[in-house]
Amino acid sequence: MPHPNTTFSYEGLSQVLCRSVKTLRSDRVRRPESVPPACKIPGSSRPLWIYADVIEWLRACQTAPSEVTKADSQEQTDTTNAANATN
């Protein structure tokens, strides 16, 4: 686990969130609430993220176990229905 004050760019954030760099870049513009807040270093165009802030943001996004079960059940139902519709 990185030191809490470790900073990283889109590539590091991509690994932590399991999302592509391309998706993160577009989400930062189109849906900024779906990406952790970044630091903007004066004189640099690259955003940086602090590891501890990203983990804190992820924890704030956590859902209760009952919500996860409902969401997973709905996703599985949707996937099954889509598969059945194509057959």
N, C-alpha and C. Protein backbone atom coordinates (compact mmCIF):
# COMPACT_ATOMS: atom_id res chain seq x y z
N MET A 1 0.85 -1.17 0.00
CA MET A 1 0.00 0.00 0.00
C MET A 1 0.90 1.24 0.00
N PRO A 2 0.59 2.21 -0.87
CA PRO A 2 1.41 3.43 -0.92
C PRO A 2 1.29 4.25 0.36
N HIS A 3 2.28 5.08 0.59
CA HIS A 3 2.24 6.03 1.70
C HIS A 3 1.03 6.94 1.48
N PRO A 4 0.31 7.33 2.54
CA PRO A 4 -0.90 8.16 2.39
C PRO A 4 -0.67 9.46 1.62
N ASN A 5 0.54 10.01 1.68
CA ASN A 5 0.81 11.27 0.98
C ASN A 5 1.37 11.09 -0.42
N THR A 6 1.41 9.86 -0.90
CA THR A 6 1.88 9.59 -2.25
C THR A 6 0.94 10.27 -3.24
N THR A 7 1.51 10.90 -4.25
CA THR A 7 0.69 11.49 -5.32
C THR A 7 0.87 10.69 -6.59
N PHE A 8 -0.15 10.71 -7.42
CA PHE A 8 -0.05 10.03 -8.70
C PHE A 8 -0.92 10.72 -9.73
N SER A 9 -0.65 10.41 -11.00
CA SER A 9 -1.34 11.02 -12.13
C SER A 9 -2.48 10.12 -12.59
N TYR A 10 -2.99 10.40 -13.77
CA TYR A 10 -4.08 9.60 -14.32
C TYR A 10 -3.73 8.11 -14.35
N GLU A 11 -2.50 7.78 -14.67
CA GLU A 11 -2.11 6.37 -14.77
C GLU A 11 -2.26 5.66 -13.43
N GLY A 12 -1.81 6.30 -12.36
CA GLY A 12 -1.94 5.71 -11.03
C GLY A 12 -3.39 5.63 -10.59
N LEU A 13 -4.14 6.70 -10.87
CA LEU A 13 -5.56 6.71 -10.52
C LEU A 13 -6.30 5.61 -11.27
N SER A 14 -5.90 5.40 -12.50
CA SER A 14 -6.50 4.35 -13.32
C SER A 14 -6.33 2.98 -12.66
N GLN A 15 -5.17 2.72 -12.11
CA GLN A 15 -4.92 1.43 -11.44
C GLN A 15 -5.73 1.30 -10.16
N VAL A 16 -5.83 2.38 -9.40
CA VAL A 16 -6.56 2.32 -8.12
C VAL A 16 -8.05 2.12 -8.36
N LEU A 17 -8.60 2.81 -9.36
CA LEU A 17 -10.05 2.76 -9.60
C LEU A 17 -10.47 1.71 -10.62
N CYS A 18 -9.49 1.03 -11.23
CA CYS A 18 -9.78 0.01 -12.25
C CYS A 18 -10.62 0.59 -13.40
N ARG A 19 -10.22 1.77 -13.84
CA ARG A 19 -10.88 2.44 -14.97
C ARG A 19 -9.79 2.93 -15.91
N SER A 20 -10.10 3.02 -17.18
CA SER A 20 -9.08 3.45 -18.14
C SER A 20 -8.76 4.93 -17.98
N VAL A 21 -7.57 5.30 -18.39
CA VAL A 21 -7.16 6.70 -18.35
C VAL A 21 -8.10 7.53 -19.21
N LYS A 22 -8.46 7.02 -20.37
CA LYS A 22 -9.37 7.73 -21.27
C LYS A 22 -10.71 8.03 -20.59
N THR A 23 -11.26 7.04 -19.90
CA THR A 23 -12.52 7.23 -19.19
C THR A 23 -12.37 8.26 -18.09
N LEU A 24 -11.29 8.18 -17.33
CA LEU A 24 -11.07 9.14 -16.25
C LEU A 24 -10.95 10.57 -16.78
N ARG A 25 -10.23 10.73 -17.88
CA ARG A 25 -10.08 12.07 -18.47
C ARG A 25 -11.44 12.63 -18.90
N SER A 26 -12.23 11.84 -19.58
CA SER A 26 -13.53 12.34 -20.04
C SER A 26 -14.49 12.54 -18.87
N ASP A 27 -14.47 11.63 -17.89
CA ASP A 27 -15.35 11.80 -16.73
C ASP A 27 -14.99 13.04 -15.92
N ARG A 28 -13.73 13.37 -15.87
CA ARG A 28 -13.31 14.56 -15.10
C ARG A 28 -13.94 15.83 -15.68
N VAL A 29 -14.21 15.83 -16.98
CA VAL A 29 -14.84 16.97 -17.63
C VAL A 29 -16.37 16.83 -17.62
N ARG A 30 -16.87 15.68 -18.02
CA ARG A 30 -18.31 15.48 -18.19
C ARG A 30 -19.05 15.16 -16.90
N ARG A 31 -18.41 14.37 -16.05
CA ARG A 31 -19.06 13.93 -14.81
C ARG A 31 -18.06 14.03 -13.66
N PRO A 32 -17.68 15.24 -13.27
CA PRO A 32 -16.62 15.40 -12.27
C PRO A 32 -16.91 14.72 -10.93
N GLU A 33 -18.17 14.49 -10.61
CA GLU A 33 -18.50 13.82 -9.35
C GLU A 33 -18.11 12.34 -9.36
N SER A 34 -17.81 11.80 -10.55
CA SER A 34 -17.45 10.39 -10.65
C SER A 34 -15.94 10.15 -10.57
N VAL A 35 -15.19 11.22 -10.28
CA VAL A 35 -13.73 11.14 -10.16
C VAL A 35 -13.33 11.86 -8.87
N PRO A 36 -12.39 11.31 -8.12
CA PRO A 36 -11.96 11.99 -6.90
C PRO A 36 -11.41 13.39 -7.19
N PRO A 37 -11.52 14.30 -6.24
CA PRO A 37 -10.95 15.63 -6.45
C PRO A 37 -9.44 15.56 -6.62
N ALA A 38 -8.94 16.37 -7.54
CA ALA A 38 -7.51 16.39 -7.84
C ALA A 38 -6.86 17.65 -7.31
N CYS A 39 -5.54 17.64 -7.24
CA CYS A 39 -4.75 18.82 -6.89
C CYS A 39 -4.23 19.42 -8.19
N LYS A 40 -4.26 20.71 -8.27
CA LYS A 40 -3.72 21.42 -9.45
C LYS A 40 -2.49 22.17 -9.00
N ILE A 41 -1.34 21.75 -9.47
CA ILE A 41 -0.07 22.38 -9.12
C ILE A 41 0.09 23.64 -9.98
N PRO A 42 0.36 24.79 -9.38
CA PRO A 42 0.57 26.00 -10.19
C PRO A 42 1.67 25.80 -11.22
N GLY A 43 1.40 26.20 -12.45
CA GLY A 43 2.37 26.08 -13.52
C GLY A 43 2.35 24.73 -14.23
N SER A 44 1.50 23.81 -13.78
CA SER A 44 1.41 22.49 -14.40
C SER A 44 -0.01 22.27 -14.91
N SER A 45 -0.12 21.61 -16.04
CA SER A 45 -1.45 21.31 -16.58
C SER A 45 -1.96 19.94 -16.13
N ARG A 46 -1.07 19.16 -15.49
CA ARG A 46 -1.43 17.81 -15.06
C ARG A 46 -2.06 17.81 -13.67
N PRO A 47 -3.23 17.20 -13.53
CA PRO A 47 -3.78 17.04 -12.19
C PRO A 47 -3.05 15.91 -11.46
N LEU A 48 -2.98 16.02 -10.16
CA LEU A 48 -2.40 14.97 -9.33
C LEU A 48 -3.41 14.59 -8.24
N TRP A 49 -3.38 13.34 -7.84
CA TRP A 49 -4.24 12.86 -6.77
C TRP A 49 -3.39 12.40 -5.61
N ILE A 50 -3.85 12.65 -4.40
CA ILE A 50 -3.18 12.20 -3.19
C ILE A 50 -3.86 10.89 -2.77
N TYR A 51 -3.05 9.88 -2.56
CA TYR A 51 -3.57 8.54 -2.26
C TYR A 51 -4.61 8.56 -1.13
N ALA A 52 -4.30 9.20 -0.03
CA ALA A 52 -5.22 9.23 1.12
C ALA A 52 -6.55 9.87 0.74
N ASP A 53 -6.52 10.91 -0.10
CA ASP A 53 -7.76 11.57 -0.53
C ASP A 53 -8.60 10.65 -1.41
N VAL A 54 -7.94 9.88 -2.26
CA VAL A 54 -8.65 8.95 -3.14
C VAL A 54 -9.33 7.86 -2.30
N ILE A 55 -8.62 7.33 -1.32
CA ILE A 55 -9.20 6.31 -0.45
C ILE A 55 -10.37 6.89 0.34
N GLU A 56 -10.23 8.11 0.83
CA GLU A 56 -11.33 8.76 1.56
C GLU A 56 -12.54 8.94 0.64
N TRP A 57 -12.31 9.35 -0.60
CA TRP A 57 -13.39 9.51 -1.57
C TRP A 57 -14.08 8.17 -1.85
N LEU A 58 -13.28 7.12 -2.01
CA LEU A 58 -13.85 5.79 -2.23
C LEU A 58 -14.71 5.35 -1.05
N ARG A 59 -14.23 5.59 0.15
CA ARG A 59 -15.00 5.21 1.34
C ARG A 59 -16.33 5.96 1.39
N ALA A 60 -16.33 7.21 0.97
CA ALA A 60 -17.57 8.00 0.94
C ALA A 60 -18.54 7.45 -0.10
N CYS A 61 -18.02 6.72 -1.08
CA CYS A 61 -18.86 6.14 -2.13
C CYS A 61 -19.39 4.76 -1.77
N GLN A 62 -18.90 4.19 -0.67
CA GLN A 62 -19.30 2.83 -0.29
C GLN A 62 -20.80 2.76 -0.08
N THR A 63 -21.36 1.61 -0.45
CA THR A 63 -22.78 1.38 -0.24
C THR A 63 -22.96 0.34 0.86
N ALA A 64 -24.11 0.37 1.47
CA ALA A 64 -24.43 -0.61 2.51
C ALA A 64 -24.57 -1.98 1.87
N PRO A 65 -24.27 -3.06 2.60
CA PRO A 65 -24.37 -4.41 2.02
C PRO A 65 -25.73 -4.70 1.39
N SER A 66 -26.82 -4.22 1.99
CA SER A 66 -28.14 -4.48 1.42
C SER A 66 -28.31 -3.79 0.07
N GLU A 67 -27.70 -2.60 -0.10
CA GLU A 67 -27.78 -1.89 -1.37
C GLU A 67 -26.98 -2.62 -2.44
N VAL A 68 -25.84 -3.18 -2.06
CA VAL A 68 -25.01 -3.91 -3.01
C VAL A 68 -25.77 -5.14 -3.50
N THR A 69 -26.40 -5.85 -2.60
CA THR A 69 -27.15 -7.04 -2.98
C THR A 69 -28.26 -6.69 -3.96
N LYS A 70 -29.00 -5.62 -3.69
CA LYS A 70 -30.07 -5.20 -4.59
C LYS A 70 -29.52 -4.81 -5.94
N ALA A 71 -28.44 -4.05 -5.97
CA ALA A 71 -27.84 -3.61 -7.23
C ALA A 71 -27.31 -4.81 -8.01
N ASP A 72 -26.64 -5.74 -7.33
CA ASP A 72 -26.11 -6.92 -8.00
C ASP A 72 -27.24 -7.78 -8.56
N SER A 73 -28.32 -7.92 -7.81
CA SER A 73 -29.46 -8.72 -8.27
C SER A 73 -30.08 -8.09 -9.50
N GLN A 74 -30.22 -6.77 -9.50
CA GLN A 74 -30.80 -6.09 -10.65
C GLN A 74 -29.90 -6.20 -11.86
N GLU A 75 -28.59 -6.06 -11.65
CA GLU A 75 -27.64 -6.18 -12.76
C GLU A 75 -27.68 -7.58 -13.34
N GLN A 76 -27.75 -8.59 -12.48
CA GLN A 76 -27.80 -9.97 -12.96
C GLN A 76 -29.09 -10.20 -13.74
N THR A 77 -30.22 -9.66 -13.26
CA THR A 77 -31.50 -9.80 -13.95
C THR A 77 -31.44 -9.13 -15.31
N ASP A 78 -30.86 -7.92 -15.36
CA ASP A 78 -30.75 -7.20 -16.63
C ASP A 78 -29.89 -7.97 -17.62
N THR A 79 -28.78 -8.54 -17.15
CA THR A 79 -27.88 -9.30 -18.01
C THR A 79 -28.59 -10.55 -18.55
N THR A 80 -29.31 -11.23 -17.68
CA THR A 80 -30.04 -12.45 -18.08
C THR A 80 -31.11 -12.08 -19.10
N ASN A 81 -31.85 -11.02 -18.85
CA ASN A 81 -32.91 -10.59 -19.77
C ASN A 81 -32.32 -10.22 -21.13
N ALA A 82 -31.19 -9.54 -21.14
CA ALA A 82 -30.54 -9.16 -22.39
C ALA A 82 -30.07 -10.40 -23.16
N ALA A 83 -29.52 -11.37 -22.45
CA ALA A 83 -29.06 -12.60 -23.08
C ALA A 83 -30.24 -13.38 -23.66
N ASN A 84 -31.34 -13.44 -22.94
CA ASN A 84 -32.52 -14.14 -23.41
C ASN A 84 -33.13 -13.44 -24.62
N ALA A 85 -33.05 -12.14 -24.67
CA ALA A 85 -33.62 -11.38 -25.79
C ALA A 85 -32.85 -11.62 -27.07
N THR A 86 -31.56 -11.91 -26.97
CA THR A 86 -30.75 -12.13 -28.17
C THR A 86 -30.84 -13.56 -28.69
N ASN A 87 -31.41 -14.47 -27.89
CA ASN A 87 -31.50 -15.88 -28.30
C ASN A 87 -32.74 -16.15 -29.07
